[in-house]
Amino acid sequence: MRASLAEGTAHLPEAHNELAAYPTHTHQAIGTGIAAAQAGALVRQWLIGLEYYGHGPIVYSAGGGWPLVKEEVKRLLHYTQQQMGLAQTPIEWLEAPVLDGLCALALQSDHP
């Protein structure tokens, strides 16, 4: 998202992890907006899972952008859980899910 905004939208600067409750300059506005968008998307899907399954799904995260949005995602998910009277659940970090999956497949294989 940062790169898209920097390259494709009026030559905005590529903002870095500068979040604020009330942004006062462009870098804060971009960083805060990106984190809010990611957090909102995750909580939306979590709520759909809650409605569908009858309990809050476990949230897994992976990818290089996680450090930039981690605090906002955790804050919004935990706030939502609290408002609904539900226990706060951790977000599980997966460092290399693709490699973990390939390893699991290889271990299940009958071939040496």
PDB file of N, CA and C in Angstrom:
ATOM      1  N   MET A   1       0.828  -1.185   0.000  1.00  0.00           N
ATOM      2  CA  MET A   1       0.000   0.000   0.000  1.00  0.00           C
ATOM      3  C   MET A   1       0.878   1.257   0.000  1.00  0.00           C
ATOM      4  N   ARG A   2       1.944   1.213   0.795  1.00  0.00           N
ATOM      5  CA  ARG A   2       2.820   2.391   0.842  1.00  0.00           C
ATOM      6  C   ARG A   2       3.417   2.683  -0.522  1.00  0.00           C
ATOM      7  N   ALA A   3       3.908   1.633  -1.184  1.00  0.00           N
ATOM      8  CA  ALA A   3       4.532   1.823  -2.488  1.00  0.00           C
ATOM      9  C   ALA A   3       3.513   2.306  -3.516  1.00  0.00           C
ATOM     10  N   SER A   4       2.312   1.761  -3.485  1.00  0.00           N
ATOM     11  CA  SER A   4       1.270   2.185  -4.429  1.00  0.00           C
ATOM     12  C   SER A   4       0.931   3.653  -4.252  1.00  0.00           C
ATOM     13  N   LEU A   5       0.796   4.076  -3.017  1.00  0.00           N
ATOM     14  CA  LEU A   5       0.503   5.486  -2.763  1.00  0.00           C
ATOM     15  C   LEU A   5       1.650   6.381  -3.212  1.00  0.00           C
ATOM     16  N   ALA A   6       2.876   5.953  -2.928  1.00  0.00           N
ATOM     17  CA  ALA A   6       4.038   6.768  -3.278  1.00  0.00           C
ATOM     18  C   ALA A   6       4.225   6.875  -4.783  1.00  0.00           C
ATOM     19  N   GLU A   7       3.962   5.784  -5.505  1.00  0.00           N
ATOM     20  CA  GLU A   7       4.230   5.770  -6.939  1.00  0.00           C
ATOM     21  C   GLU A   7       3.049   6.221  -7.780  1.00  0.00           C
ATOM     22  N   GLY A   8       1.835   5.967  -7.307  1.00  0.00           N
ATOM     23  CA  GLY A   8       0.693   6.197  -8.171  1.00  0.00           C
ATOM     24  C   GLY A   8      -0.263   7.292  -7.761  1.00  0.00           C
ATOM     25  N   THR A   9       0.000   7.967  -6.665  1.00  0.00           N
ATOM     26  CA  THR A   9      -0.951   8.970  -6.197  1.00  0.00           C
ATOM     27  C   THR A   9      -0.243  10.292  -5.932  1.00  0.00           C
ATOM     28  N   ALA A  10      -0.260  11.153  -6.868  1.00  0.00           N
ATOM     29  CA  ALA A  10       0.260  12.518  -6.709  1.00  0.00           C
ATOM     30  C   ALA A  10       1.647  12.574  -6.079  1.00  0.00           C
ATOM     31  N   HIS A  11       2.427  11.549  -6.314  1.00  0.00           N
ATOM     32  CA  HIS A  11       3.805  11.501  -5.811  1.00  0.00           C
ATOM     33  C   HIS A  11       3.889  11.719  -4.309  1.00  0.00           C
ATOM     34  N   LEU A  12       3.026  11.049  -3.587  1.00  0.00           N
ATOM     35  CA  LEU A  12       3.083  11.123  -2.130  1.00  0.00           C
ATOM     36  C   LEU A  12       4.354  10.446  -1.637  1.00  0.00           C
ATOM     37  N   PRO A  13       4.874  10.877  -0.496  1.00  0.00           N
ATOM     38  CA  PRO A  13       6.073  10.218   0.034  1.00  0.00           C
ATOM     39  C   PRO A  13       5.737   8.820   0.521  1.00  0.00           C
ATOM     40  N   GLU A  14       6.730   7.937   0.522  1.00  0.00           N
ATOM     41  CA  GLU A  14       6.521   6.600   1.058  1.00  0.00           C
ATOM     42  C   GLU A  14       6.681   6.685   2.571  1.00  0.00           C
ATOM     43  N   ALA A  15       5.556   6.767   3.240  1.00  0.00           N
ATOM     44  CA  ALA A  15       5.548   6.947   4.691  1.00  0.00           C
ATOM     45  C   ALA A  15       6.006   5.680   5.398  1.00  0.00           C
ATOM     46  N   HIS A  16       6.552   5.870   6.554  1.00  0.00           N
ATOM     47  CA  HIS A  16       6.985   4.743   7.375  1.00  0.00           C
ATOM     48  C   HIS A  16       6.175   4.739   8.658  1.00  0.00           C
ATOM     49  N   ASN A  17       6.273   3.703   9.384  1.00  0.00           N
ATOM     50  CA  ASN A  17       5.441   3.386  10.543  1.00  0.00           C
ATOM     51  C   ASN A  17       5.275   4.560  11.518  1.00  0.00           C
ATOM     52  N   GLU A  18       4.541   5.569  11.115  1.00  0.00           N
ATOM     53  CA  GLU A  18       4.284   6.723  11.962  1.00  0.00           C
ATOM     54  C   GLU A  18       2.781   6.832  12.166  1.00  0.00           C
ATOM     55  N   LEU A  19       2.262   6.198  13.211  1.00  0.00           N
ATOM     56  CA  LEU A  19       0.830   6.187  13.444  1.00  0.00           C
ATOM     57  C   LEU A  19       0.455   7.217  14.492  1.00  0.00           C
ATOM     58  N   ALA A  20      -0.735   7.780  14.353  1.00  0.00           N
ATOM     59  CA  ALA A  20      -1.219   8.767  15.317  1.00  0.00           C
ATOM     60  C   ALA A  20      -2.735   8.694  15.370  1.00  0.00           C
ATOM     61  N   ALA A  21      -3.292   8.935  16.538  1.00  0.00           N
ATOM     62  CA  ALA A  21      -4.756   8.957  16.682  1.00  0.00           C
ATOM     63  C   ALA A  21      -5.346  10.059  15.812  1.00  0.00           C
ATOM     64  N   TYR A  22      -4.676  11.198  15.775  1.00  0.00           N
ATOM     65  CA  TYR A  22      -5.096  12.328  14.935  1.00  0.00           C
ATOM     66  C   TYR A  22      -3.879  12.807  14.148  1.00  0.00           C
ATOM     67  N   PRO A  23      -3.679  12.249  12.965  1.00  0.00           N
ATOM     68  CA  PRO A  23      -2.488  12.623  12.183  1.00  0.00           C
ATOM     69  C   PRO A  23      -2.442  14.127  11.905  1.00  0.00           C
ATOM     70  N   THR A  24      -1.238  14.676  12.000  1.00  0.00           N
ATOM     71  CA  THR A  24      -1.068  16.112  11.768  1.00  0.00           C
ATOM     72  C   THR A  24      -0.199  16.437  10.558  1.00  0.00           C
ATOM     73  N   HIS A  25       0.336  15.402   9.919  1.00  0.00           N
ATOM     74  CA  HIS A  25       1.089  15.636   8.681  1.00  0.00           C
ATOM     75  C   HIS A  25       0.973  14.414   7.778  1.00  0.00           C
ATOM     76  N   THR A  26       1.441  14.559   6.567  1.00  0.00           N
ATOM     77  CA  THR A  26       1.233  13.554   5.526  1.00  0.00           C
ATOM     78  C   THR A  26       1.764  12.180   5.912  1.00  0.00           C
ATOM     79  N   HIS A  27       2.968  12.093   6.437  1.00  0.00           N
ATOM     80  CA  HIS A  27       3.534  10.787   6.807  1.00  0.00           C
ATOM     81  C   HIS A  27       2.655  10.078   7.828  1.00  0.00           C
ATOM     82  N   GLN A  28       2.203  10.808   8.841  1.00  0.00           N
ATOM     83  CA  GLN A  28       1.322  10.209   9.844  1.00  0.00           C
ATOM     84  C   GLN A  28      -0.006   9.788   9.220  1.00  0.00           C
ATOM     85  N   ALA A  29      -0.549  10.604   8.345  1.00  0.00           N
ATOM     86  CA  ALA A  29      -1.836  10.284   7.718  1.00  0.00           C
ATOM     87  C   ALA A  29      -1.740   9.027   6.861  1.00  0.00           C
ATOM     88  N   ILE A  30      -0.675   8.899   6.112  1.00  0.00           N
ATOM     89  CA  ILE A  30      -0.496   7.719   5.268  1.00  0.00           C
ATOM     90  C   ILE A  30      -0.297   6.475   6.128  1.00  0.00           C
ATOM     91  N   GLY A  31       0.625   6.536   7.065  1.00  0.00           N
ATOM     92  CA  GLY A  31       0.898   5.383   7.930  1.00  0.00           C
ATOM     93  C   GLY A  31      -0.330   4.962   8.723  1.00  0.00           C
ATOM     94  N   THR A  32      -1.039   5.935   9.272  1.00  0.00           N
ATOM     95  CA  THR A  32      -2.236   5.650  10.057  1.00  0.00           C
ATOM     96  C   THR A  32      -3.341   5.086   9.180  1.00  0.00           C
ATOM     97  N   GLY A  33      -3.506   5.634   7.984  1.00  0.00           N
ATOM     98  CA  GLY A  33      -4.537   5.150   7.067  1.00  0.00           C
ATOM     99  C   GLY A  33      -4.291   3.720   6.617  1.00  0.00           C
ATOM    100  N   ILE A  34      -3.048   3.384   6.338  1.00  0.00           N
ATOM    101  CA  ILE A  34      -2.707   2.023   5.924  1.00  0.00           C
ATOM    102  C   ILE A  34      -2.982   1.047   7.069  1.00  0.00           C
ATOM    103  N   ALA A  35      -2.530   1.389   8.264  1.00  0.00           N
ATOM    104  CA  ALA A  35      -2.750   0.506   9.416  1.00  0.00           C
ATOM    105  C   ALA A  35      -4.239   0.350   9.697  1.00  0.00           C
ATOM    106  N   ALA A  36      -4.990   1.446   9.603  1.00  0.00           N
ATOM    107  CA  ALA A  36      -6.435   1.382   9.852  1.00  0.00           C
ATOM    108  C   ALA A  36      -7.138   0.523   8.806  1.00  0.00           C
ATOM    109  N   ALA A  37      -6.730   0.627   7.559  1.00  0.00           N
ATOM    110  CA  ALA A  37      -7.344  -0.180   6.495  1.00  0.00           C
ATOM    111  C   ALA A  37      -7.080  -1.666   6.712  1.00  0.00           C
ATOM    112  N   GLN A  38      -5.852  -2.018   7.056  1.00  0.00           N
ATOM    113  CA  GLN A  38      -5.511  -3.414   7.292  1.00  0.00           C
ATOM    114  C   GLN A  38      -6.240  -3.955   8.525  1.00  0.00           C
ATOM    115  N   ALA A  39      -6.281  -3.157   9.590  1.00  0.00           N
ATOM    116  CA  ALA A  39      -6.967  -3.578  10.809  1.00  0.00           C
ATOM    117  C   ALA A  39      -8.461  -3.749  10.554  1.00  0.00           C
ATOM    118  N   GLY A  40      -9.049  -2.811   9.837  1.00  0.00           N
ATOM    119  CA  GLY A  40     -10.474  -2.898   9.530  1.00  0.00           C
ATOM    120  C   GLY A  40     -10.804  -4.126   8.693  1.00  0.00           C
ATOM    121  N   ALA A  41      -9.962  -4.442   7.719  1.00  0.00           N
ATOM    122  CA  ALA A  41     -10.189  -5.618   6.883  1.00  0.00           C
ATOM    123  C   ALA A  41     -10.095  -6.898   7.708  1.00  0.00           C
ATOM    124  N   LEU A  42      -9.125  -6.955   8.602  1.00  0.00           N
ATOM    125  CA  LEU A  42      -8.973  -8.150   9.425  1.00  0.00           C
ATOM    126  C   LEU A  42     -10.163  -8.313  10.375  1.00  0.00           C
ATOM    127  N   VAL A  43     -10.564  -7.249  11.028  1.00  0.00           N
ATOM    128  CA  VAL A  43     -11.678  -7.336  11.971  1.00  0.00           C
ATOM    129  C   VAL A  43     -12.972  -7.672  11.233  1.00  0.00           C
ATOM    130  N   ARG A  44     -13.131  -7.161  10.041  1.00  0.00           N
ATOM    131  CA  ARG A  44     -14.319  -7.500   9.237  1.00  0.00           C
ATOM    132  C   ARG A  44     -14.385  -9.010   9.009  1.00  0.00           C
ATOM    133  N   GLN A  45     -13.279  -9.598   8.586  1.00  0.00           N
ATOM    134  CA  GLN A  45     -13.251 -11.041   8.339  1.00  0.00           C
ATOM    135  C   GLN A  45     -13.418 -11.824   9.636  1.00  0.00           C
ATOM    136  N   TRP A  46     -12.841 -11.326  10.722  1.00  0.00           N
ATOM    137  CA  TRP A  46     -12.978 -11.988  12.015  1.00  0.00           C
ATOM    138  C   TRP A  46     -14.449 -12.011  12.432  1.00  0.00           C
ATOM    139  N   LEU A  47     -15.152 -10.891  12.243  1.00  0.00           N
ATOM    140  CA  LEU A  47     -16.583 -10.825  12.575  1.00  0.00           C
ATOM    141  C   LEU A  47     -17.406 -11.780  11.717  1.00  0.00           C
ATOM    142  N   ILE A  48     -17.058 -11.913  10.450  1.00  0.00           N
ATOM    143  CA  ILE A  48     -17.750 -12.865   9.579  1.00  0.00           C
ATOM    144  C   ILE A  48     -17.517 -14.286  10.078  1.00  0.00           C
ATOM    145  N   GLY A  49     -16.282 -14.598  10.472  1.00  0.00           N
ATOM    146  CA  GLY A  49     -15.974 -15.914  11.035  1.00  0.00           C
ATOM    147  C   GLY A  49     -16.732 -16.161  12.327  1.00  0.00           C
ATOM    148  N   LEU A  50     -16.821 -15.150  13.179  1.00  0.00           N
ATOM    149  CA  LEU A  50     -17.567 -15.259  14.429  1.00  0.00           C
ATOM    150  C   LEU A  50     -19.036 -15.578  14.160  1.00  0.00           C
ATOM    151  N   GLU A  51     -19.622 -14.872  13.213  1.00  0.00           N
ATOM    152  CA  GLU A  51     -21.026 -15.108  12.866  1.00  0.00           C
ATOM    153  C   GLU A  51     -21.218 -16.500  12.260  1.00  0.00           C
ATOM    154  N   TYR A  52     -20.337 -16.910  11.387  1.00  0.00           N
ATOM    155  CA  TYR A  52     -20.475 -18.177  10.673  1.00  0.00           C
ATOM    156  C   TYR A  52     -20.250 -19.385  11.590  1.00  0.00           C
ATOM    157  N   TYR A  53     -19.183 -19.317  12.421  1.00  0.00           N
ATOM    158  CA  TYR A  53     -18.797 -20.467  13.243  1.00  0.00           C
ATOM    159  C   TYR A  53     -19.353 -20.422  14.670  1.00  0.00           C
ATOM    160  N   GLY A  54     -19.815 -19.249  15.091  1.00  0.00           N
ATOM    161  CA  GLY A  54     -20.339 -19.131  16.441  1.00  0.00           C
ATOM    162  C   GLY A  54     -19.273 -18.859  17.491  1.00  0.00           C
ATOM    163  N   HIS A  55     -18.041 -18.714  17.075  1.00  0.00           N
ATOM    164  CA  HIS A  55     -16.953 -18.335  17.968  1.00  0.00           C
ATOM    165  C   HIS A  55     -15.898 -17.607  17.145  1.00  0.00           C
ATOM    166  N   GLY A  56     -15.122 -16.794  17.812  1.00  0.00           N
ATOM    167  CA  GLY A  56     -14.091 -16.035  17.103  1.00  0.00           C
ATOM    168  C   GLY A  56     -13.005 -16.932  16.556  1.00  0.00           C
ATOM    169  N   PRO A  57     -12.669 -16.776  15.293  1.00  0.00           N
ATOM    170  CA  PRO A  57     -11.608 -17.595  14.704  1.00  0.00           C
ATOM    171  C   PRO A  57     -10.232 -17.190  15.229  1.00  0.00           C
ATOM    172  N   ILE A  58      -9.310 -18.130  15.171  1.00  0.00           N
ATOM    173  CA  ILE A  58      -7.916 -17.838  15.499  1.00  0.00           C
ATOM    174  C   ILE A  58      -7.352 -17.018  14.342  1.00  0.00           C
ATOM    175  N   VAL A  59      -6.621 -15.981  14.664  1.00  0.00           N
ATOM    176  CA  VAL A  59      -6.039 -15.117  13.641  1.00  0.00           C
ATOM    177  C   VAL A  59      -4.551 -15.433  13.520  1.00  0.00           C
ATOM    178  N   TYR A  60      -4.128 -15.689  12.295  1.00  0.00           N
ATOM    179  CA  TYR A  60      -2.717 -15.920  11.989  1.00  0.00           C
ATOM    180  C   TYR A  60      -2.235 -14.767  11.123  1.00  0.00           C
ATOM    181  N   SER A  61      -1.001 -14.373  11.321  1.00  0.00           N
ATOM    182  CA  SER A  61      -0.437 -13.298  10.519  1.00  0.00           C
ATOM    183  C   SER A  61       0.914 -13.733   9.966  1.00  0.00           C
ATOM    184  N   ALA A  62       1.208 -13.257   8.772  1.00  0.00           N
ATOM    185  CA  ALA A  62       2.497 -13.508   8.143  1.00  0.00           C
ATOM    186  C   ALA A  62       2.767 -12.366   7.171  1.00  0.00           C
ATOM    187  N   GLY A  63       3.980 -12.192   6.808  1.00  0.00           N
ATOM    188  CA  GLY A  63       4.310 -11.199   5.797  1.00  0.00           C
ATOM    189  C   GLY A  63       5.134 -10.048   6.348  1.00  0.00           C
ATOM    190  N   GLY A  64       5.813  -9.407   5.446  1.00  0.00           N
ATOM    191  CA  GLY A  64       6.741  -8.343   5.816  1.00  0.00           C
ATOM    192  C   GLY A  64       6.103  -7.064   6.304  1.00  0.00           C
ATOM    193  N   GLY A  65       4.831  -6.839   5.993  1.00  0.00           N
ATOM    194  CA  GLY A  65       4.170  -5.611   6.424  1.00  0.00           C
ATOM    195  C   GLY A  65       3.622  -5.663   7.834  1.00  0.00           C
ATOM    196  N   TRP A  66       3.655  -6.842   8.453  1.00  0.00           N
ATOM    197  CA  TRP A  66       3.072  -7.005   9.784  1.00  0.00           C
ATOM    198  C   TRP A  66       3.607  -6.000  10.813  1.00  0.00           C
ATOM    199  N   PRO A  67       4.908  -5.779  10.901  1.00  0.00           N
ATOM    200  CA  PRO A  67       5.391  -4.829  11.913  1.00  0.00           C
ATOM    201  C   PRO A  67       4.777  -3.427  11.770  1.00  0.00           C
ATOM    202  N   LEU A  68       4.401  -3.050  10.560  1.00  0.00           N
ATOM    203  CA  LEU A  68       3.841  -1.718  10.340  1.00  0.00           C
ATOM    204  C   LEU A  68       2.401  -1.584  10.827  1.00  0.00           C
ATOM    205  N   VAL A  69       1.678  -2.675  10.868  1.00  0.00           N
ATOM    206  CA  VAL A  69       0.255  -2.604  11.219  1.00  0.00           C
ATOM    207  C   VAL A  69      -0.083  -3.369  12.498  1.00  0.00           C
ATOM    208  N   LYS A  70       0.872  -4.063  13.052  1.00  0.00           N
ATOM    209  CA  LYS A  70       0.652  -4.968  14.184  1.00  0.00           C
ATOM    210  C   LYS A  70      -0.109  -4.307  15.335  1.00  0.00           C
ATOM    211  N   GLU A  71       0.354  -3.175  15.817  1.00  0.00           N
ATOM    212  CA  GLU A  71      -0.261  -2.557  16.991  1.00  0.00           C
ATOM    213  C   GLU A  71      -1.693  -2.119  16.717  1.00  0.00           C
ATOM    214  N   GLU A  72      -1.951  -1.567  15.539  1.00  0.00           N
ATOM    215  CA  GLU A  72      -3.319  -1.136  15.216  1.00  0.00           C
ATOM    216  C   GLU A  72      -4.249  -2.329  15.043  1.00  0.00           C
ATOM    217  N   VAL A  73      -3.777  -3.395  14.427  1.00  0.00           N
ATOM    218  CA  VAL A  73      -4.591  -4.600  14.252  1.00  0.00           C
ATOM    219  C   VAL A  73      -4.935  -5.189  15.620  1.00  0.00           C
ATOM    220  N   LYS A  74      -3.932  -5.335  16.474  1.00  0.00           N
ATOM    221  CA  LYS A  74      -4.178  -5.878  17.811  1.00  0.00           C
ATOM    222  C   LYS A  74      -5.131  -4.978  18.594  1.00  0.00           C
ATOM    223  N   ARG A  75      -4.925  -3.670  18.530  1.00  0.00           N
ATOM    224  CA  ARG A  75      -5.764  -2.735  19.267  1.00  0.00           C
ATOM    225  C   ARG A  75      -7.220  -2.850  18.831  1.00  0.00           C
ATOM    226  N   LEU A  76      -7.468  -2.853  17.525  1.00  0.00           N
ATOM    227  CA  LEU A  76      -8.839  -2.882  17.020  1.00  0.00           C
ATOM    228  C   LEU A  76      -9.498  -4.237  17.262  1.00  0.00           C
ATOM    229  N   LEU A  77      -8.780  -5.329  17.066  1.00  0.00           N
ATOM    230  CA  LEU A  77      -9.354  -6.650  17.317  1.00  0.00           C
ATOM    231  C   LEU A  77      -9.693  -6.816  18.798  1.00  0.00           C
ATOM    232  N   HIS A  78      -8.767  -6.433  19.668  1.00  0.00           N
ATOM    233  CA  HIS A  78      -9.012  -6.580  21.103  1.00  0.00           C
ATOM    234  C   HIS A  78     -10.123  -5.650  21.578  1.00  0.00           C
ATOM    235  N   TYR A  79     -10.207  -4.461  21.023  1.00  0.00           N
ATOM    236  CA  TYR A  79     -11.300  -3.547  21.360  1.00  0.00           C
ATOM    237  C   TYR A  79     -12.641  -4.162  20.949  1.00  0.00           C
ATOM    238  N   THR A  80     -12.691  -4.724  19.755  1.00  0.00           N
ATOM    239  CA  THR A  80     -13.916  -5.357  19.257  1.00  0.00           C
ATOM    240  C   THR A  80     -14.313  -6.524  20.150  1.00  0.00           C
ATOM    241  N   GLN A  81     -13.348  -7.359  20.507  1.00  0.00           N
ATOM    242  CA  GLN A  81     -13.628  -8.493  21.387  1.00  0.00           C
ATOM    243  C   GLN A  81     -14.133  -8.016  22.748  1.00  0.00           C
ATOM    244  N   GLN A  82     -13.519  -6.993  23.275  1.00  0.00           N
ATOM    245  CA  GLN A  82     -13.924  -6.447  24.567  1.00  0.00           C
ATOM    246  C   GLN A  82     -15.348  -5.895  24.502  1.00  0.00           C
ATOM    247  N   GLN A  83     -15.678  -5.159  23.447  1.00  0.00           N
ATOM    248  CA  GLN A  83     -17.011  -4.586  23.307  1.00  0.00           C
ATOM    249  C   GLN A  83     -18.078  -5.666  23.191  1.00  0.00           C
ATOM    250  N   MET A  84     -17.691  -6.821  22.697  1.00  0.00           N
ATOM    251  CA  MET A  84     -18.635  -7.927  22.545  1.00  0.00           C
ATOM    252  C   MET A  84     -18.644  -8.847  23.766  1.00  0.00           C
ATOM    253  N   GLY A  85     -17.856  -8.516  24.774  1.00  0.00           N
ATOM    254  CA  GLY A  85     -17.784  -9.330  25.980  1.00  0.00           C
ATOM    255  C   GLY A  85     -17.045 -10.636  25.776  1.00  0.00           C
ATOM    256  N   LEU A  86     -16.161 -10.677  24.813  1.00  0.00           N
ATOM    257  CA  LEU A  86     -15.398 -11.886  24.505  1.00  0.00           C
ATOM    258  C   LEU A  86     -13.968 -11.757  25.021  1.00  0.00           C
ATOM    259  N   ALA A  87     -13.366 -12.884  25.300  1.00  0.00           N
ATOM    260  CA  ALA A  87     -11.973 -12.888  25.740  1.00  0.00           C
ATOM    261  C   ALA A  87     -11.066 -12.417  24.601  1.00  0.00           C
ATOM    262  N   GLN A  88     -10.040 -11.683  24.967  1.00  0.00           N
ATOM    263  CA  GLN A  88      -9.065 -11.259  23.966  1.00  0.00           C
ATOM    264  C   GLN A  88      -8.217 -12.461  23.571  1.00  0.00           C
ATOM    265  N   THR A  89      -8.026 -12.622  22.286  1.00  0.00           N
ATOM    266  CA  THR A  89      -7.225 -13.736  21.789  1.00  0.00           C
ATOM    267  C   THR A  89      -5.979 -13.196  21.103  1.00  0.00           C
ATOM    268  N   PRO A  90      -4.876 -13.920  21.217  1.00  0.00           N
ATOM    269  CA  PRO A  90      -3.647 -13.456  20.576  1.00  0.00           C
ATOM    270  C   PRO A  90      -3.710 -13.663  19.065  1.00  0.00           C
ATOM    271  N   ILE A  91      -2.886 -12.930  18.375  1.00  0.00           N
ATOM    272  CA  ILE A  91      -2.707 -13.128  16.938  1.00  0.00           C
ATOM    273  C   ILE A  91      -1.429 -13.939  16.786  1.00  0.00           C
ATOM    274  N   GLU A  92      -1.553 -15.093  16.152  1.00  0.00           N
ATOM    275  CA  GLU A  92      -0.414 -15.998  16.006  1.00  0.00           C
ATOM    276  C   GLU A  92       0.443 -15.580  14.812  1.00  0.00           C
ATOM    277  N   TRP A  93       1.723 -15.354  15.038  1.00  0.00           N
ATOM    278  CA  TRP A  93       2.660 -14.978  13.990  1.00  0.00           C
ATOM    279  C   TRP A  93       3.250 -16.226  13.354  1.00  0.00           C
ATOM    280  N   LEU A  94       3.196 -16.302  12.039  1.00  0.00           N
ATOM    281  CA  LEU A  94       3.803 -17.398  11.279  1.00  0.00           C
ATOM    282  C   LEU A  94       4.941 -16.806  10.459  1.00  0.00           C
ATOM    283  N   GLU A  95       6.140 -17.206  10.781  1.00  0.00           N
ATOM    284  CA  GLU A  95       7.305 -16.610  10.118  1.00  0.00           C
ATOM    285  C   GLU A  95       7.418 -17.016   8.654  1.00  0.00           C
ATOM    286  N   ALA A  96       7.186 -18.285   8.355  1.00  0.00           N
ATOM    287  CA  ALA A  96       7.358 -18.775   6.984  1.00  0.00           C
ATOM    288  C   ALA A  96       6.286 -19.822   6.660  1.00  0.00           C
ATOM    289  N   PRO A  97       5.024 -19.431   6.534  1.00  0.00           N
ATOM    290  CA  PRO A  97       3.958 -20.417   6.357  1.00  0.00           C
ATOM    291  C   PRO A  97       4.082 -21.250   5.082  1.00  0.00           C
ATOM    292  N   VAL A  98       4.568 -20.681   4.011  1.00  0.00           N
ATOM    293  CA  VAL A  98       4.703 -21.437   2.764  1.00  0.00           C
ATOM    294  C   VAL A  98       5.753 -22.526   2.932  1.00  0.00           C
ATOM    295  N   LEU A  99       6.885 -22.170   3.502  1.00  0.00           N
ATOM    296  CA  LEU A  99       7.932 -23.165   3.722  1.00  0.00           C
ATOM    297  C   LEU A  99       7.487 -24.217   4.737  1.00  0.00           C
ATOM    298  N   ASP A 100       6.742 -23.794   5.759  1.00  0.00           N
ATOM    299  CA  ASP A 100       6.215 -24.761   6.729  1.00  0.00           C
ATOM    300  C   ASP A 100       5.284 -25.755   6.040  1.00  0.00           C
ATOM    301  N   GLY A 101       4.438 -25.264   5.142  1.00  0.00           N
ATOM    302  CA  GLY A 101       3.516 -26.145   4.414  1.00  0.00           C
ATOM    303  C   GLY A 101       4.248 -27.105   3.501  1.00  0.00           C
ATOM    304  N   LEU A 102       5.252 -26.610   2.794  1.00  0.00           N
ATOM    305  CA  LEU A 102       6.047 -27.482   1.921  1.00  0.00           C
ATOM    306  C   LEU A 102       6.781 -28.550   2.730  1.00  0.00           C
ATOM    307  N   CYS A 103       7.277 -28.171   3.876  1.00  0.00           N
ATOM    308  CA  CYS A 103       7.961 -29.130   4.746  1.00  0.00           C
ATOM    309  C   CYS A 103       6.978 -30.210   5.207  1.00  0.00           C
ATOM    310  N   ALA A 104       5.788 -29.809   5.600  1.00  0.00           N
ATOM    311  CA  ALA A 104       4.773 -30.773   6.045  1.00  0.00           C
ATOM    312  C   ALA A 104       4.413 -31.731   4.918  1.00  0.00           C
ATOM    313  N   LEU A 105       4.272 -31.208   3.709  1.00  0.00           N
ATOM    314  CA  LEU A 105       3.971 -32.072   2.558  1.00  0.00           C
ATOM    315  C   LEU A 105       5.116 -33.046   2.293  1.00  0.00           C
ATOM    316  N   ALA A 106       6.330 -32.560   2.377  1.00  0.00           N
ATOM    317  CA  ALA A 106       7.489 -33.419   2.128  1.00  0.00           C
ATOM    318  C   ALA A 106       7.578 -34.526   3.172  1.00  0.00           C
ATOM    319  N   LEU A 107       7.259 -34.218   4.410  1.00  0.00           N
ATOM    320  CA  LEU A 107       7.318 -35.226   5.465  1.00  0.00           C
ATOM    321  C   LEU A 107       6.225 -36.283   5.320  1.00  0.00           C
ATOM    322  N   GLN A 108       5.116 -35.918   4.674  1.00  0.00           N
ATOM    323  CA  GLN A 108       4.016 -36.863   4.448  1.00  0.00           C
ATOM    324  C   GLN A 108       4.247 -37.737   3.225  1.00  0.00           C
ATOM    325  N   SER A 109       5.167 -37.326   2.378  1.00  0.00           N
ATOM    326  CA  SER A 109       5.399 -38.029   1.129  1.00  0.00           C
ATOM    327  C   SER A 109       6.024 -39.406   1.361  1.00  0.00           C
ATOM    328  N   ASP A 110       5.663 -40.355   0.514  1.00  0.00           N
ATOM    329  CA  ASP A 110       6.255 -41.700   0.565  1.00  0.00           C
ATOM    330  C   ASP A 110       7.600 -41.749  -0.143  1.00  0.00           C
ATOM    331  N   HIS A 111       7.925 -40.683  -0.847  1.00  0.00           N
ATOM    332  CA  HIS A 111       9.171 -40.657  -1.629  1.00  0.00           C
ATOM    333  C   HIS A 111      10.306 -40.112  -0.781  1.00  0.00           C
ATOM    334  N   PRO A 112      11.504 -40.699  -0.916  1.00  0.00           N
ATOM    335  CA  PRO A 112      12.661 -40.218  -0.151  1.00  0.00           C
ATOM    336  C   PRO A 112      13.142 -38.870  -0.641  1.00  0.00           C
TER     337      PRO A 112
END
